[in-house]
Amino acid sequence: MTPASLLTADDPPPFRVERASGTSPLVLVCDHAGRALPARLGDLGVSAADLERHIAWDIGVAEVGRKLAARLDAFLITQTYSRLVIDANRPLESPQSIVTVSESTRIPGNEGIGEEAAAQRAKEIFDPYHDRIREELDARAAHGRPSILVTLHSFTPVFLTRSRSWHAGVLYNRDARLAHVLLDLLRKEPELVVGDNEPYAASEQTDYALVEHGERRGLLNVEIEIRQDLIAHERGQVEWAERLAHVLERAHRQFGGVNVPSRTQ
C-alpha cells in the first residue's frame, strides 16, 4: 500500500535555491545535482557503490553551478533527489522517468512500480522543483526582467564500452541561438574538444527543463554538459565555473545584453 506521503519530516526538501535575488539574467538549473533517496524508499535495492556513480546523479555539476552562480550573481536551483527516484529532466510520460535499469544496473526498487506510487514521486519531488522554476521565470517576466535559461549537466568519460573524447558538449533542441554562440566561443580554446549536440542530442523526449522552461517561453536557452572526470575535484570545478562565466558573459553581450524572442515558437 502506498503511504499518504513519500517524504517525511526527516527527508530534505526536493530542491535548493541559491542567490534567489541574483541580479544576473541567467537562471541556472541543475536537474541531476543530488543523489538523496527518500527514507521510505530505502536504497532502491542499489548498492552504496552504485549510488556514488553517474546512474544516481551528475557528479561535480552542483559545485560548478554554485561557483558559477557566485561568480555571476545568478539564480541557481538544484534538485536534491537522485534521478533514480524520478528523473527531473524527463517528461513524466517518458519510459526514462522512473527507470528499472540504468546503463546496465538493475534498480529493483523501481520494478513493478504502480501508477499511484509513480504519481506520488512526481507530486512530491518532480512538481515542486519545476514549479519553483516556473515561479521564478514568471516573477522575472512580471517585473520586466530578462531571463536566460542554462541547464548544467555532467557525463561519464566512458559509457558502457564507448570512450568519450569530448571535454564538454553544448546541447539544444529547436532553438540553437545561444548554443551556437557558446559552441564557437568554447572552440576558440584549442585544447578543448566540444560536442555539438554531443554526447547527447536534446529533444522533447529527453530534456524536459530546456524545452519546458526555455523554448516554450521563447527564452534564450542552452544545455551544457561537462565530462565528469574534469569536475570531480575542486580545481576542475573552479576552472570550469570560470570558463563558463567568461563565455556566458560574452555570449550575453553578443545578444545586446537583452533577451531576444525566439523565432522557433
C-alpha atoms as a PDB file:
ATOM      1  CA  MET A   1       0.000   0.000   0.000  1.00  0.00           C
ATOM      2  CA  THR A   2       1.317   3.457  -0.925  1.00  0.00           C
ATOM      3  CA  PRO A   3       1.747   5.715   2.147  1.00  0.00           C
ATOM      4  CA  ALA A   4      -0.104   9.029   2.299  1.00  0.00           C
ATOM      5  CA  SER A   5       3.151  10.879   1.606  1.00  0.00           C
ATOM      6  CA  LEU A   6       6.548   9.840   0.311  1.00  0.00           C
ATOM      7  CA  LEU A   7       8.724  12.431   2.016  1.00  0.00           C
ATOM      8  CA  THR A   8       8.884  12.572   5.789  1.00  0.00           C
ATOM      9  CA  ALA A   9       9.894  15.411   8.083  1.00  0.00           C
ATOM     10  CA  ASP A  10      13.391  13.922   8.186  1.00  0.00           C
ATOM     11  CA  ASP A  11      13.825  13.990   4.399  1.00  0.00           C
ATOM     12  CA  PRO A  12      15.397  17.042   2.738  1.00  0.00           C
ATOM     13  CA  PRO A  13      13.240  19.320   0.554  1.00  0.00           C
ATOM     14  CA  PRO A  14      13.162  18.443  -3.155  1.00  0.00           C
ATOM     15  CA  PHE A  15      15.207  21.433  -4.268  1.00  0.00           C
ATOM     16  CA  ARG A  16      17.592  24.086  -3.073  1.00  0.00           C
ATOM     17  CA  VAL A  17      17.710  27.676  -4.312  1.00  0.00           C
ATOM     18  CA  GLU A  18      20.797  29.843  -4.045  1.00  0.00           C
ATOM     19  CA  ARG A  19      21.083  33.534  -4.866  1.00  0.00           C
ATOM     20  CA  ALA A  20      17.314  33.896  -5.102  1.00  0.00           C
ATOM     21  CA  SER A  21      17.798  37.654  -5.563  1.00  0.00           C
ATOM     22  CA  GLY A  22      20.656  37.338  -8.045  1.00  0.00           C
ATOM     23  CA  THR A  23      20.987  40.246 -10.451  1.00  0.00           C
ATOM     24  CA  SER A  24      22.140  38.241 -13.477  1.00  0.00           C
ATOM     25  CA  PRO A  25      19.689  37.419 -16.285  1.00  0.00           C
ATOM     26  CA  LEU A  26      20.998  33.843 -16.125  1.00  0.00           C
ATOM     27  CA  VAL A  27      18.798  31.227 -14.483  1.00  0.00           C
ATOM     28  CA  LEU A  28      20.971  28.201 -13.679  1.00  0.00           C
ATOM     29  CA  VAL A  29      19.280  24.807 -13.373  1.00  0.00           C
ATOM     30  CA  CYS A  30      20.869  21.545 -12.148  1.00  0.00           C
ATOM     31  CA  ASP A  31      18.359  18.727 -12.656  1.00  0.00           C
ATOM     32  CA  HIS A  32      20.692  15.941 -11.507  1.00  0.00           C
ATOM     33  CA  ALA A  33      22.606  17.722  -8.763  1.00  0.00           C
ATOM     34  CA  GLY A  34      21.682  15.441  -5.875  1.00  0.00           C
ATOM     35  CA  ARG A  35      21.593  11.767  -5.041  1.00  0.00           C
ATOM     36  CA  ALA A  36      19.351  11.698  -1.977  1.00  0.00           C
ATOM     37  CA  LEU A  37      16.790   8.919  -1.580  1.00  0.00           C
ATOM     38  CA  PRO A  38      13.573   9.293   0.430  1.00  0.00           C
ATOM     39  CA  ALA A  39      13.824   7.245   3.618  1.00  0.00           C
ATOM     40  CA  ARG A  40      10.665   5.331   2.727  1.00  0.00           C
ATOM     41  CA  LEU A  41      12.302   4.023  -0.445  1.00  0.00           C
ATOM     42  CA  GLY A  42      15.355   2.660   1.330  1.00  0.00           C
ATOM     43  CA  ASP A  43      18.242   2.162  -1.093  1.00  0.00           C
ATOM     44  CA  LEU A  44      16.013   1.066  -4.013  1.00  0.00           C
ATOM     45  CA  GLY A  45      17.953  -2.202  -3.951  1.00  0.00           C
ATOM     46  CA  VAL A  46      21.050  -0.420  -5.277  1.00  0.00           C
ATOM     47  CA  SER A  47      24.474  -0.807  -3.685  1.00  0.00           C
ATOM     48  CA  ALA A  48      26.201   2.101  -1.940  1.00  0.00           C
ATOM     49  CA  ALA A  49      28.939   1.991  -4.591  1.00  0.00           C
ATOM     50  CA  ASP A  50      26.405   2.286  -7.419  1.00  0.00           C
ATOM     51  CA  LEU A  51      24.718   5.210  -5.674  1.00  0.00           C
ATOM     52  CA  GLU A  52      28.026   7.073  -5.991  1.00  0.00           C
ATOM     53  CA  ARG A  53      28.045   6.574  -9.776  1.00  0.00           C
ATOM     54  CA  HIS A  54      26.618   8.618 -12.608  1.00  0.00           C
ATOM     55  CA  ILE A  55      23.491   6.471 -12.657  1.00  0.00           C
ATOM     56  CA  ALA A  56      22.415   8.255  -9.469  1.00  0.00           C
ATOM     57  CA  TRP A  57      23.499  11.854 -10.149  1.00  0.00           C
ATOM     58  CA  ASP A  58      25.672  14.183 -12.237  1.00  0.00           C
ATOM     59  CA  ILE A  59      28.988  14.161 -10.413  1.00  0.00           C
ATOM     60  CA  GLY A  60      30.549  17.584  -9.858  1.00  0.00           C
ATOM     61  CA  VAL A  61      27.866  19.652 -11.529  1.00  0.00           C
ATOM     62  CA  ALA A  62      26.276  21.101  -8.384  1.00  0.00           C
ATOM     63  CA  GLU A  63      29.628  22.525  -7.293  1.00  0.00           C
ATOM     64  CA  VAL A  64      30.224  24.016 -10.732  1.00  0.00           C
ATOM     65  CA  GLY A  65      26.740  25.530 -10.589  1.00  0.00           C
ATOM     66  CA  ARG A  66      27.339  27.077  -7.178  1.00  0.00           C
ATOM     67  CA  LYS A  67      30.668  28.577  -8.183  1.00  0.00           C
ATOM     68  CA  LEU A  68      29.206  29.866 -11.439  1.00  0.00           C
ATOM     69  CA  ALA A  69      26.225  31.389  -9.621  1.00  0.00           C
ATOM     70  CA  ALA A  70      28.555  33.119  -7.176  1.00  0.00           C
ATOM     71  CA  ARG A  71      30.768  34.403  -9.984  1.00  0.00           C
ATOM     72  CA  LEU A  72      27.831  35.886 -11.927  1.00  0.00           C
ATOM     73  CA  ASP A  73      25.377  36.583  -9.082  1.00  0.00           C
ATOM     74  CA  ALA A  74      22.889  34.279 -10.795  1.00  0.00           C
ATOM     75  CA  PHE A  75      19.836  32.421  -9.546  1.00  0.00           C
ATOM     76  CA  LEU A  76      20.577  28.711  -9.088  1.00  0.00           C
ATOM     77  CA  ILE A  77      18.231  25.822  -8.399  1.00  0.00           C
ATOM     78  CA  THR A  78      19.471  22.301  -7.700  1.00  0.00           C
ATOM     79  CA  GLN A  79      17.421  19.112  -7.491  1.00  0.00           C
ATOM     80  CA  THR A  80      18.047  17.236  -4.245  1.00  0.00           C
ATOM     81  CA  TYR A  81      16.918  13.728  -5.119  1.00  0.00           C
ATOM     82  CA  SER A  82      18.573  11.110  -7.259  1.00  0.00           C
ATOM     83  CA  ARG A  83      17.419  10.617 -10.812  1.00  0.00           C
ATOM     84  CA  LEU A  84      16.824   7.003  -9.764  1.00  0.00           C
ATOM     85  CA  VAL A  85      13.824   8.152  -7.707  1.00  0.00           C
ATOM     86  CA  ILE A  86      12.402  10.194 -10.583  1.00  0.00           C
ATOM     87  CA  ASP A  87      14.298  11.978 -13.331  1.00  0.00           C
ATOM     88  CA  ALA A  88      13.733  15.734 -13.139  1.00  0.00           C
ATOM     89  CA  ASN A  89      14.844  16.110 -16.756  1.00  0.00           C
ATOM     90  CA  ARG A  90      12.417  13.657 -18.375  1.00  0.00           C
ATOM     91  CA  PRO A  91       8.737  14.175 -19.186  1.00  0.00           C
ATOM     92  CA  LEU A  92       6.597  12.208 -16.760  1.00  0.00           C
ATOM     93  CA  GLU A  93       5.247  10.070 -19.593  1.00  0.00           C
ATOM     94  CA  SER A  94       8.760   9.049 -20.668  1.00  0.00           C
ATOM     95  CA  PRO A  95       9.905   5.452 -20.007  1.00  0.00           C
ATOM     96  CA  GLN A  96      13.050   7.072 -18.566  1.00  0.00           C
ATOM     97  CA  SER A  97      11.139   8.994 -15.911  1.00  0.00           C
ATOM     98  CA  ILE A  98      11.476   6.149 -13.401  1.00  0.00           C
ATOM     99  CA  VAL A  99      13.955   3.588 -14.706  1.00  0.00           C
ATOM    100  CA  THR A 100      14.214  -0.094 -13.849  1.00  0.00           C
ATOM    101  CA  VAL A 101      17.651  -0.382 -15.488  1.00  0.00           C
ATOM    102  CA  SER A 102      20.238   2.415 -15.672  1.00  0.00           C
ATOM    103  CA  GLU A 103      23.106   1.702 -18.032  1.00  0.00           C
ATOM    104  CA  SER A 104      23.472  -1.997 -17.145  1.00  0.00           C
ATOM    105  CA  THR A 105      22.462  -1.744 -13.474  1.00  0.00           C
ATOM    106  CA  ARG A 106      19.094  -3.019 -12.261  1.00  0.00           C
ATOM    107  CA  ILE A 107      17.067  -0.749  -9.977  1.00  0.00           C
ATOM    108  CA  PRO A 108      14.959  -3.324  -8.104  1.00  0.00           C
ATOM    109  CA  GLY A 109      13.074  -0.699  -6.084  1.00  0.00           C
ATOM    110  CA  ASN A 110      11.592   0.691  -9.295  1.00  0.00           C
ATOM    111  CA  GLU A 111      10.465  -2.614 -10.730  1.00  0.00           C
ATOM    112  CA  GLY A 112       6.710  -3.030 -10.796  1.00  0.00           C
ATOM    113  CA  ILE A 113       6.058   0.485  -9.529  1.00  0.00           C
ATOM    114  CA  GLY A 114       2.358   1.295  -9.764  1.00  0.00           C
ATOM    115  CA  GLU A 115       0.713   4.407 -11.132  1.00  0.00           C
ATOM    116  CA  GLU A 116      -0.132   5.705  -7.656  1.00  0.00           C
ATOM    117  CA  ALA A 117       3.424   5.387  -6.378  1.00  0.00           C
ATOM    118  CA  ALA A 118       4.844   6.954  -9.557  1.00  0.00           C
ATOM    119  CA  ALA A 119       2.375   9.837  -9.278  1.00  0.00           C
ATOM    120  CA  GLN A 120       3.423  10.347  -5.667  1.00  0.00           C
ATOM    121  CA  ARG A 121       7.073  10.712  -6.649  1.00  0.00           C
ATOM    122  CA  ALA A 122       6.058  13.238  -9.297  1.00  0.00           C
ATOM    123  CA  LYS A 123       3.869  15.202  -6.896  1.00  0.00           C
ATOM    124  CA  GLU A 124       6.425  15.456  -4.093  1.00  0.00           C
ATOM    125  CA  ILE A 125       9.728  15.662  -5.986  1.00  0.00           C
ATOM    126  CA  PHE A 126       9.339  16.483  -9.691  1.00  0.00           C
ATOM    127  CA  ASP A 127       6.482  19.010  -9.483  1.00  0.00           C
ATOM    128  CA  PRO A 128       7.784  21.250  -6.652  1.00  0.00           C
ATOM    129  CA  TYR A 129      11.134  21.569  -8.377  1.00  0.00           C
ATOM    130  CA  HIS A 130       9.689  22.611 -11.729  1.00  0.00           C
ATOM    131  CA  ASP A 131       7.002  24.761 -10.116  1.00  0.00           C
ATOM    132  CA  ARG A 132       9.767  26.756  -8.427  1.00  0.00           C
ATOM    133  CA  ILE A 133      11.476  27.316 -11.774  1.00  0.00           C
ATOM    134  CA  ARG A 134       8.152  28.472 -13.270  1.00  0.00           C
ATOM    135  CA  GLU A 135       7.586  30.763 -10.314  1.00  0.00           C
ATOM    136  CA  GLU A 136      10.993  32.356 -10.796  1.00  0.00           C
ATOM    137  CA  LEU A 137      10.580  32.880 -14.535  1.00  0.00           C
ATOM    138  CA  ASP A 138       7.028  34.210 -14.103  1.00  0.00           C
ATOM    139  CA  ALA A 139       8.174  36.713 -11.476  1.00  0.00           C
ATOM    140  CA  ARG A 140      11.008  37.929 -13.660  1.00  0.00           C
ATOM    141  CA  ALA A 141       8.679  38.357 -16.636  1.00  0.00           C
ATOM    142  CA  ALA A 142       6.155  40.248 -14.498  1.00  0.00           C
ATOM    143  CA  HIS A 143       8.886  42.698 -13.473  1.00  0.00           C
ATOM    144  CA  GLY A 144      10.269  43.065 -16.984  1.00  0.00           C
ATOM    145  CA  ARG A 145      13.488  41.236 -16.149  1.00  0.00           C
ATOM    146  CA  PRO A 146      15.122  39.189 -18.911  1.00  0.00           C
ATOM    147  CA  SER A 147      15.869  35.522 -18.274  1.00  0.00           C
ATOM    148  CA  ILE A 148      18.344  33.213 -19.980  1.00  0.00           C
ATOM    149  CA  LEU A 149      17.980  29.542 -19.109  1.00  0.00           C
ATOM    150  CA  VAL A 150      21.165  27.499 -18.661  1.00  0.00           C
ATOM    151  CA  THR A 151      20.846  23.861 -17.626  1.00  0.00           C
ATOM    152  CA  LEU A 152      24.001  22.209 -16.305  1.00  0.00           C
ATOM    153  CA  HIS A 153      24.859  18.501 -16.506  1.00  0.00           C
ATOM    154  CA  SER A 154      27.864  16.187 -16.481  1.00  0.00           C
ATOM    155  CA  PHE A 155      28.589  12.995 -18.422  1.00  0.00           C
ATOM    156  CA  THR A 156      30.813   9.954 -17.989  1.00  0.00           C
ATOM    157  CA  PRO A 157      34.199   9.565 -19.742  1.00  0.00           C
ATOM    158  CA  VAL A 158      33.079   6.077 -20.789  1.00  0.00           C
ATOM    159  CA  PHE A 159      29.502   4.993 -21.472  1.00  0.00           C
ATOM    160  CA  LEU A 160      29.222   1.207 -21.324  1.00  0.00           C
ATOM    161  CA  THR A 161      32.256   0.379 -23.516  1.00  0.00           C
ATOM    162  CA  ARG A 162      32.430   3.581 -25.544  1.00  0.00           C
ATOM    163  CA  SER A 163      35.034   6.204 -24.679  1.00  0.00           C
ATOM    164  CA  ARG A 164      34.022   9.831 -24.996  1.00  0.00           C
ATOM    165  CA  SER A 165      36.653  12.257 -26.224  1.00  0.00           C
ATOM    166  CA  TRP A 166      34.672  15.455 -25.644  1.00  0.00           C
ATOM    167  CA  HIS A 167      35.575  17.700 -22.741  1.00  0.00           C
ATOM    168  CA  ALA A 168      32.136  19.296 -22.898  1.00  0.00           C
ATOM    169  CA  GLY A 169      29.020  19.361 -25.016  1.00  0.00           C
ATOM    170  CA  VAL A 170      26.662  22.166 -25.985  1.00  0.00           C
ATOM    171  CA  LEU A 171      23.099  20.910 -26.390  1.00  0.00           C
ATOM    172  CA  TYR A 172      19.968  22.423 -27.911  1.00  0.00           C
ATOM    173  CA  ASN A 173      16.659  21.388 -29.427  1.00  0.00           C
ATOM    174  CA  ARG A 174      14.923  23.650 -31.976  1.00  0.00           C
ATOM    175  CA  ASP A 175      16.366  26.913 -30.653  1.00  0.00           C
ATOM    176  CA  ALA A 176      20.126  26.918 -31.223  1.00  0.00           C
ATOM    177  CA  ARG A 177      20.759  30.663 -30.946  1.00  0.00           C
ATOM    178  CA  LEU A 178      22.673  30.694 -27.677  1.00  0.00           C
ATOM    179  CA  ALA A 179      24.120  27.213 -28.174  1.00  0.00           C
ATOM    180  CA  HIS A 180      25.835  28.120 -31.442  1.00  0.00           C
ATOM    181  CA  VAL A 181      27.406  31.231 -29.922  1.00  0.00           C
ATOM    182  CA  LEU A 182      28.700  29.269 -26.933  1.00  0.00           C
ATOM    183  CA  LEU A 183      29.958  26.493 -29.167  1.00  0.00           C
ATOM    184  CA  ASP A 184      32.022  28.965 -31.184  1.00  0.00           C
ATOM    185  CA  LEU A 185      33.414  30.609 -28.051  1.00  0.00           C
ATOM    186  CA  LEU A 186      34.379  27.353 -26.359  1.00  0.00           C
ATOM    187  CA  ARG A 187      36.000  26.007 -29.520  1.00  0.00           C
ATOM    188  CA  LYS A 188      38.324  29.001 -29.560  1.00  0.00           C
ATOM    189  CA  GLU A 189      40.205  27.182 -26.798  1.00  0.00           C
ATOM    190  CA  PRO A 190      42.353  24.834 -28.896  1.00  0.00           C
ATOM    191  CA  GLU A 191      42.840  22.285 -26.132  1.00  0.00           C
ATOM    192  CA  LEU A 192      39.093  21.673 -25.793  1.00  0.00           C
ATOM    193  CA  VAL A 193      37.032  19.135 -27.720  1.00  0.00           C
ATOM    194  CA  VAL A 194      33.470  20.438 -27.582  1.00  0.00           C
ATOM    195  CA  GLY A 195      30.499  18.465 -28.884  1.00  0.00           C
ATOM    196  CA  ASP A 196      27.712  19.986 -30.960  1.00  0.00           C
ATOM    197  CA  ASN A 197      24.690  18.134 -29.514  1.00  0.00           C
ATOM    198  CA  GLU A 198      27.159  15.515 -28.312  1.00  0.00           C
ATOM    199  CA  PRO A 199      27.458  13.272 -26.351  1.00  0.00           C
ATOM    200  CA  TYR A 200      23.681  13.700 -26.242  1.00  0.00           C
ATOM    201  CA  ALA A 201      21.234  15.452 -28.544  1.00  0.00           C
ATOM    202  CA  ALA A 202      18.487  17.432 -26.819  1.00  0.00           C
ATOM    203  CA  SER A 203      14.856  16.654 -27.611  1.00  0.00           C
ATOM    204  CA  GLU A 204      11.328  16.942 -26.239  1.00  0.00           C
ATOM    205  CA  GLN A 205      11.587  13.318 -25.101  1.00  0.00           C
ATOM    206  CA  THR A 206      14.874  13.605 -23.196  1.00  0.00           C
ATOM    207  CA  ASP A 207      15.283  17.203 -22.000  1.00  0.00           C
ATOM    208  CA  TYR A 208      12.266  18.447 -20.096  1.00  0.00           C
ATOM    209  CA  ALA A 209      13.761  21.558 -18.475  1.00  0.00           C
ATOM    210  CA  LEU A 210      15.306  23.001 -21.622  1.00  0.00           C
ATOM    211  CA  VAL A 211      12.107  22.624 -23.641  1.00  0.00           C
ATOM    212  CA  GLU A 212       9.526  23.394 -20.957  1.00  0.00           C
ATOM    213  CA  HIS A 213      11.188  26.392 -19.309  1.00  0.00           C
ATOM    214  CA  GLY A 214      13.316  27.680 -22.181  1.00  0.00           C
ATOM    215  CA  GLU A 215      11.902  27.019 -25.615  1.00  0.00           C
ATOM    216  CA  ARG A 216       8.218  27.178 -24.748  1.00  0.00           C
ATOM    217  CA  ARG A 217       8.744  30.605 -23.211  1.00  0.00           C
ATOM    218  CA  GLY A 218      10.867  31.823 -26.110  1.00  0.00           C
ATOM    219  CA  LEU A 219      13.867  32.374 -23.839  1.00  0.00           C
ATOM    220  CA  LEU A 220      17.463  32.092 -24.861  1.00  0.00           C
ATOM    221  CA  ASN A 221      18.403  28.655 -23.615  1.00  0.00           C
ATOM    222  CA  VAL A 222      21.191  26.096 -23.660  1.00  0.00           C
ATOM    223  CA  GLU A 223      22.189  22.848 -22.005  1.00  0.00           C
ATOM    224  CA  ILE A 224      25.850  22.436 -21.088  1.00  0.00           C
ATOM    225  CA  GLU A 225      27.403  19.026 -20.417  1.00  0.00           C
ATOM    226  CA  ILE A 226      30.859  18.700 -18.813  1.00  0.00           C
ATOM    227  CA  ARG A 227      32.821  15.464 -18.609  1.00  0.00           C
ATOM    228  CA  GLN A 228      32.764  14.244 -15.036  1.00  0.00           C
ATOM    229  CA  ASP A 229      36.436  13.497 -14.542  1.00  0.00           C
ATOM    230  CA  LEU A 230      37.159  17.161 -15.271  1.00  0.00           C
ATOM    231  CA  ILE A 231      34.923  18.443 -12.466  1.00  0.00           C
ATOM    232  CA  ALA A 232      35.139  15.684  -9.849  1.00  0.00           C
ATOM    233  CA  HIS A 233      37.589  17.842  -7.880  1.00  0.00           C
ATOM    234  CA  GLU A 234      37.779  21.414  -6.624  1.00  0.00           C
ATOM    235  CA  ARG A 235      40.368  22.603  -9.117  1.00  0.00           C
ATOM    236  CA  GLY A 236      38.335  21.463 -12.099  1.00  0.00           C
ATOM    237  CA  GLN A 237      35.131  22.895 -10.689  1.00  0.00           C
ATOM    238  CA  VAL A 238      36.744  26.305 -10.289  1.00  0.00           C
ATOM    239  CA  GLU A 239      38.284  26.110 -13.759  1.00  0.00           C
ATOM    240  CA  TRP A 240      35.007  25.232 -15.467  1.00  0.00           C
ATOM    241  CA  ALA A 241      32.964  27.747 -13.499  1.00  0.00           C
ATOM    242  CA  GLU A 242      35.371  30.488 -14.563  1.00  0.00           C
ATOM    243  CA  ARG A 243      35.372  29.275 -18.166  1.00  0.00           C
ATOM    244  CA  LEU A 244      31.586  29.171 -18.359  1.00  0.00           C
ATOM    245  CA  ALA A 245      31.246  32.550 -16.673  1.00  0.00           C
ATOM    246  CA  HIS A 246      33.535  34.063 -19.296  1.00  0.00           C
ATOM    247  CA  VAL A 247      31.780  32.592 -22.331  1.00  0.00           C
ATOM    248  CA  LEU A 248      28.264  33.189 -20.983  1.00  0.00           C
ATOM    249  CA  GLU A 249      29.064  36.836 -20.319  1.00  0.00           C
ATOM    250  CA  ARG A 250      30.490  37.201 -23.826  1.00  0.00           C
ATOM    251  CA  ALA A 251      27.507  35.447 -25.361  1.00  0.00           C
ATOM    252  CA  HIS A 252      25.107  37.694 -23.475  1.00  0.00           C
ATOM    253  CA  ARG A 253      26.881  40.766 -24.808  1.00  0.00           C
ATOM    254  CA  GLN A 254      26.598  39.416 -28.352  1.00  0.00           C
ATOM    255  CA  PHE A 255      22.828  39.452 -27.935  1.00  0.00           C
ATOM    256  CA  GLY A 256      22.989  43.093 -26.940  1.00  0.00           C
ATOM    257  CA  GLY A 257      22.616  42.353 -23.253  1.00  0.00           C
ATOM    258  CA  VAL A 258      18.902  41.584 -23.658  1.00  0.00           C
ATOM    259  CA  ASN A 259      16.790  38.523 -24.309  1.00  0.00           C
ATOM    260  CA  VAL A 260      15.753  38.133 -27.947  1.00  0.00           C
ATOM    261  CA  PRO A 261      12.403  36.416 -28.576  1.00  0.00           C
ATOM    262  CA  SER A 262      12.748  33.052 -30.275  1.00  0.00           C
ATOM    263  CA  ARG A 263      11.556  32.684 -33.845  1.00  0.00           C
ATOM    264  CA  THR A 264      11.062  28.946 -33.380  1.00  0.00           C
ATOM    265  CA  GLN A 265       7.925  29.342 -31.300  1.00  0.00           C
END
